[in-house]
Amino acid sequence: MRLDKFLKVSRLIKRRTLAKEVADQGRIAINGVEGKASSNVKVGDTLTIRFGQKLVTVQIDTIQENSRKEEAAQMYSVLKEEKLTDQENF
């Protein structure tokens, strides 16, 4: 599944267009490698996403084409969340 679609379906990012912008800005890494919106993700991949001053690392547990709000959080596990200081870059 494409990275931007996974982010939308899993509700990590609410809109696919926003997910595409974030990926194109280089703020998402897949298994430590910078990911593009069109990059394919699979079960077991680790995503590191920079949201402003926060760095969130999640592992993909399942992939579904569509999901209800209640099911979306089951698609991934949060491995760690960390706050970035002004000097740190992704």
N, C-alpha and C. Protein backbone atom coordinates (compact mmCIF):
# COMPACT_ATOMS: atom_id res chain seq x y z
N MET A 1 0.86 -1.17 0.00
CA MET A 1 0.00 0.00 0.00
C MET A 1 0.90 1.24 0.00
N ARG A 2 0.45 2.28 -0.69
CA ARG A 2 1.21 3.53 -0.72
C ARG A 2 1.27 4.14 0.67
N LEU A 3 2.37 4.81 0.94
CA LEU A 3 2.58 5.45 2.25
C LEU A 3 1.48 6.47 2.55
N ASP A 4 1.17 7.35 1.61
CA ASP A 4 0.16 8.37 1.88
C ASP A 4 -1.21 7.77 2.17
N LYS A 5 -1.56 6.70 1.47
CA LYS A 5 -2.86 6.05 1.73
C LYS A 5 -2.86 5.37 3.10
N PHE A 6 -1.76 4.71 3.47
CA PHE A 6 -1.70 4.07 4.78
C PHE A 6 -1.87 5.10 5.90
N LEU A 7 -1.19 6.23 5.78
CA LEU A 7 -1.29 7.27 6.80
C LEU A 7 -2.72 7.77 6.95
N LYS A 8 -3.44 7.88 5.85
CA LYS A 8 -4.83 8.33 5.91
C LYS A 8 -5.74 7.25 6.49
N VAL A 9 -5.64 6.02 5.98
CA VAL A 9 -6.51 4.93 6.44
C VAL A 9 -6.28 4.63 7.91
N SER A 10 -5.03 4.70 8.37
CA SER A 10 -4.72 4.42 9.78
C SER A 10 -5.01 5.63 10.67
N ARG A 11 -5.32 6.76 10.04
CA ARG A 11 -5.64 8.00 10.74
C ARG A 11 -4.45 8.58 11.51
N LEU A 12 -3.24 8.22 11.11
CA LEU A 12 -2.05 8.90 11.66
C LEU A 12 -2.04 10.34 11.16
N ILE A 13 -2.48 10.53 9.91
CA ILE A 13 -2.66 11.86 9.34
C ILE A 13 -4.06 11.85 8.71
N LYS A 14 -4.83 12.89 8.96
CA LYS A 14 -6.26 12.86 8.61
C LYS A 14 -6.57 12.89 7.12
N ARG A 15 -5.78 13.61 6.33
CA ARG A 15 -6.09 13.73 4.91
C ARG A 15 -4.92 13.23 4.07
N ARG A 16 -5.25 12.58 2.95
CA ARG A 16 -4.21 12.02 2.09
C ARG A 16 -3.35 13.12 1.48
N THR A 17 -3.95 14.26 1.14
CA THR A 17 -3.16 15.35 0.56
C THR A 17 -2.14 15.87 1.57
N LEU A 18 -2.53 15.94 2.83
CA LEU A 18 -1.61 16.37 3.88
C LEU A 18 -0.51 15.33 4.08
N ALA A 19 -0.88 14.05 4.03
CA ALA A 19 0.10 12.97 4.16
C ALA A 19 1.13 13.06 3.03
N LYS A 20 0.66 13.37 1.82
CA LYS A 20 1.57 13.51 0.68
C LYS A 20 2.52 14.68 0.89
N GLU A 21 2.01 15.81 1.37
CA GLU A 21 2.86 16.98 1.62
C GLU A 21 3.93 16.68 2.67
N VAL A 22 3.53 16.02 3.76
CA VAL A 22 4.47 15.69 4.84
C VAL A 22 5.57 14.77 4.30
N ALA A 23 5.17 13.77 3.52
CA ALA A 23 6.16 12.83 2.96
C ALA A 23 7.10 13.54 1.99
N ASP A 24 6.54 14.41 1.16
CA ASP A 24 7.36 15.11 0.17
C ASP A 24 8.32 16.11 0.82
N GLN A 25 8.03 16.53 2.04
CA GLN A 25 8.92 17.43 2.78
C GLN A 25 10.05 16.66 3.46
N GLY A 26 10.05 15.33 3.35
CA GLY A 26 11.11 14.52 3.95
C GLY A 26 10.95 14.32 5.44
N ARG A 27 9.72 14.40 5.95
CA ARG A 27 9.48 14.27 7.39
C ARG A 27 9.07 12.86 7.80
N ILE A 28 9.13 11.89 6.86
CA ILE A 28 8.77 10.51 7.17
C ILE A 28 9.88 9.59 6.70
N ALA A 29 10.26 8.66 7.59
CA ALA A 29 11.26 7.66 7.22
C ALA A 29 10.62 6.28 7.35
N ILE A 30 10.91 5.42 6.37
CA ILE A 30 10.45 4.04 6.40
C ILE A 30 11.67 3.17 6.64
N ASN A 31 11.70 2.48 7.78
CA ASN A 31 12.84 1.65 8.15
C ASN A 31 14.16 2.42 8.07
N GLY A 32 14.13 3.69 8.47
CA GLY A 32 15.33 4.52 8.51
C GLY A 32 15.68 5.20 7.21
N VAL A 33 14.92 4.96 6.15
CA VAL A 33 15.19 5.57 4.84
C VAL A 33 14.06 6.55 4.54
N GLU A 34 14.42 7.74 4.04
CA GLU A 34 13.41 8.75 3.74
C GLU A 34 12.37 8.18 2.77
N GLY A 35 11.10 8.36 3.11
CA GLY A 35 10.03 7.83 2.29
C GLY A 35 9.32 8.90 1.50
N LYS A 36 8.85 8.53 0.32
CA LYS A 36 8.04 9.42 -0.50
C LYS A 36 6.59 8.97 -0.37
N ALA A 37 5.65 9.83 -0.78
CA ALA A 37 4.23 9.51 -0.70
C ALA A 37 3.91 8.23 -1.48
N SER A 38 4.63 7.98 -2.55
CA SER A 38 4.36 6.81 -3.39
C SER A 38 5.09 5.55 -2.93
N SER A 39 5.91 5.65 -1.88
CA SER A 39 6.64 4.48 -1.38
C SER A 39 5.65 3.43 -0.88
N ASN A 40 5.98 2.17 -1.12
CA ASN A 40 5.13 1.09 -0.63
C ASN A 40 5.52 0.73 0.79
N VAL A 41 4.52 0.48 1.64
CA VAL A 41 4.76 0.02 3.00
C VAL A 41 4.12 -1.34 3.16
N LYS A 42 4.67 -2.13 4.08
CA LYS A 42 4.14 -3.47 4.32
C LYS A 42 4.15 -3.75 5.82
N VAL A 43 3.50 -4.82 6.21
CA VAL A 43 3.45 -5.20 7.62
C VAL A 43 4.87 -5.43 8.12
N GLY A 44 5.17 -4.87 9.29
CA GLY A 44 6.49 -5.01 9.88
C GLY A 44 7.38 -3.79 9.67
N ASP A 45 7.02 -2.93 8.73
CA ASP A 45 7.80 -1.71 8.49
C ASP A 45 7.70 -0.77 9.69
N THR A 46 8.75 -0.01 9.90
CA THR A 46 8.77 0.99 10.96
C THR A 46 8.75 2.37 10.32
N LEU A 47 7.80 3.21 10.75
CA LEU A 47 7.68 4.57 10.24
C LEU A 47 8.09 5.54 11.33
N THR A 48 8.91 6.52 10.98
CA THR A 48 9.27 7.59 11.89
C THR A 48 8.74 8.88 11.27
N ILE A 49 7.83 9.53 12.00
CA ILE A 49 7.15 10.71 11.47
C ILE A 49 7.44 11.90 12.37
N ARG A 50 7.82 13.03 11.75
CA ARG A 50 8.06 14.25 12.52
C ARG A 50 6.84 15.15 12.41
N PHE A 51 6.19 15.35 13.56
CA PHE A 51 5.06 16.27 13.67
C PHE A 51 5.55 17.48 14.45
N GLY A 52 5.91 18.55 13.79
CA GLY A 52 6.40 19.74 14.47
C GLY A 52 7.61 19.43 15.34
N GLN A 53 7.47 19.56 16.67
CA GLN A 53 8.57 19.29 17.59
C GLN A 53 8.48 17.89 18.21
N LYS A 54 7.71 16.99 17.59
CA LYS A 54 7.54 15.64 18.13
C LYS A 54 7.93 14.62 17.08
N LEU A 55 8.62 13.59 17.50
CA LEU A 55 9.04 12.49 16.63
C LEU A 55 8.31 11.23 17.10
N VAL A 56 7.52 10.64 16.22
CA VAL A 56 6.73 9.46 16.57
C VAL A 56 7.21 8.30 15.72
N THR A 57 7.50 7.17 16.38
CA THR A 57 7.91 5.96 15.68
C THR A 57 6.84 4.90 15.88
N VAL A 58 6.33 4.37 14.75
CA VAL A 58 5.29 3.34 14.81
C VAL A 58 5.70 2.15 13.96
N GLN A 59 5.15 1.00 14.31
CA GLN A 59 5.38 -0.22 13.52
C GLN A 59 4.04 -0.63 12.92
N ILE A 60 4.04 -0.98 11.64
CA ILE A 60 2.81 -1.38 10.96
C ILE A 60 2.48 -2.81 11.35
N ASP A 61 1.27 -3.00 11.91
CA ASP A 61 0.82 -4.33 12.32
C ASP A 61 -0.08 -4.99 11.28
N THR A 62 -0.99 -4.24 10.70
CA THR A 62 -1.87 -4.76 9.65
C THR A 62 -2.09 -3.67 8.62
N ILE A 63 -2.50 -4.11 7.43
CA ILE A 63 -2.83 -3.17 6.37
C ILE A 63 -4.23 -3.50 5.88
N GLN A 64 -5.08 -2.48 5.86
CA GLN A 64 -6.45 -2.64 5.38
C GLN A 64 -6.72 -1.53 4.38
N GLU A 65 -7.52 -1.84 3.35
CA GLU A 65 -7.86 -0.83 2.35
C GLU A 65 -8.74 0.26 2.94
N ASN A 66 -9.63 -0.11 3.83
CA ASN A 66 -10.52 0.83 4.51
C ASN A 66 -10.60 0.43 5.96
N SER A 67 -10.85 1.38 6.83
CA SER A 67 -11.02 1.03 8.24
C SER A 67 -11.96 2.02 8.91
N ARG A 68 -12.69 1.52 9.88
CA ARG A 68 -13.52 2.39 10.68
C ARG A 68 -12.64 3.04 11.74
N LYS A 69 -13.16 4.07 12.34
CA LYS A 69 -12.41 4.82 13.34
C LYS A 69 -11.89 3.90 14.45
N GLU A 70 -12.72 2.95 14.89
CA GLU A 70 -12.35 2.05 15.98
C GLU A 70 -11.23 1.09 15.57
N GLU A 71 -11.16 0.75 14.29
CA GLU A 71 -10.16 -0.22 13.81
C GLU A 71 -8.83 0.43 13.44
N ALA A 72 -8.84 1.73 13.19
CA ALA A 72 -7.65 2.41 12.67
C ALA A 72 -6.44 2.28 13.59
N ALA A 73 -6.64 2.42 14.89
CA ALA A 73 -5.51 2.36 15.83
C ALA A 73 -4.91 0.97 15.93
N GLN A 74 -5.61 -0.04 15.46
CA GLN A 74 -5.09 -1.42 15.51
C GLN A 74 -4.15 -1.71 14.34
N MET A 75 -4.05 -0.78 13.41
CA MET A 75 -3.20 -0.99 12.24
C MET A 75 -1.72 -0.75 12.55
N TYR A 76 -1.44 -0.12 13.68
CA TYR A 76 -0.05 0.19 14.02
C TYR A 76 0.15 0.17 15.53
N SER A 77 1.41 0.03 15.95
CA SER A 77 1.79 0.11 17.36
C SER A 77 2.78 1.25 17.51
N VAL A 78 2.56 2.10 18.49
CA VAL A 78 3.49 3.19 18.75
C VAL A 78 4.69 2.62 19.51
N LEU A 79 5.86 2.74 18.93
CA LEU A 79 7.08 2.23 19.57
C LEU A 79 7.68 3.27 20.50
N LYS A 80 7.69 4.54 20.04
CA LYS A 80 8.18 5.61 20.93
C LYS A 80 7.73 6.96 20.41
N GLU A 81 7.63 7.89 21.34
CA GLU A 81 7.33 9.29 21.05
C GLU A 81 8.37 10.10 21.78
N GLU A 82 8.98 11.02 21.08
CA GLU A 82 9.97 11.86 21.73
C GLU A 82 9.83 13.30 21.27
N LYS A 83 10.14 14.20 22.18
CA LYS A 83 10.08 15.63 21.88
C LYS A 83 11.45 16.06 21.38
N LEU A 84 11.44 16.84 20.31
CA LEU A 84 12.69 17.32 19.73
C LEU A 84 13.04 18.68 20.31
N THR A 85 14.31 18.92 20.50
CA THR A 85 14.76 20.25 20.90
C THR A 85 15.00 21.07 19.63
N ASP A 86 15.23 22.34 19.77
CA ASP A 86 15.42 23.20 18.61
C ASP A 86 16.65 22.81 17.77
N GLN A 87 17.66 22.24 18.41
CA GLN A 87 18.88 21.91 17.69
C GLN A 87 18.78 20.59 16.91
N GLU A 88 17.87 19.71 17.32
CA GLU A 88 17.78 18.41 16.68
C GLU A 88 17.04 18.49 15.35
N ASN A 89 17.51 17.76 14.39
CA ASN A 89 16.85 17.63 13.10
C ASN A 89 16.55 16.18 12.84
N PHE A 90 15.65 15.95 11.95
CA PHE A 90 15.24 14.59 11.63
C PHE A 90 16.15 14.01 10.60
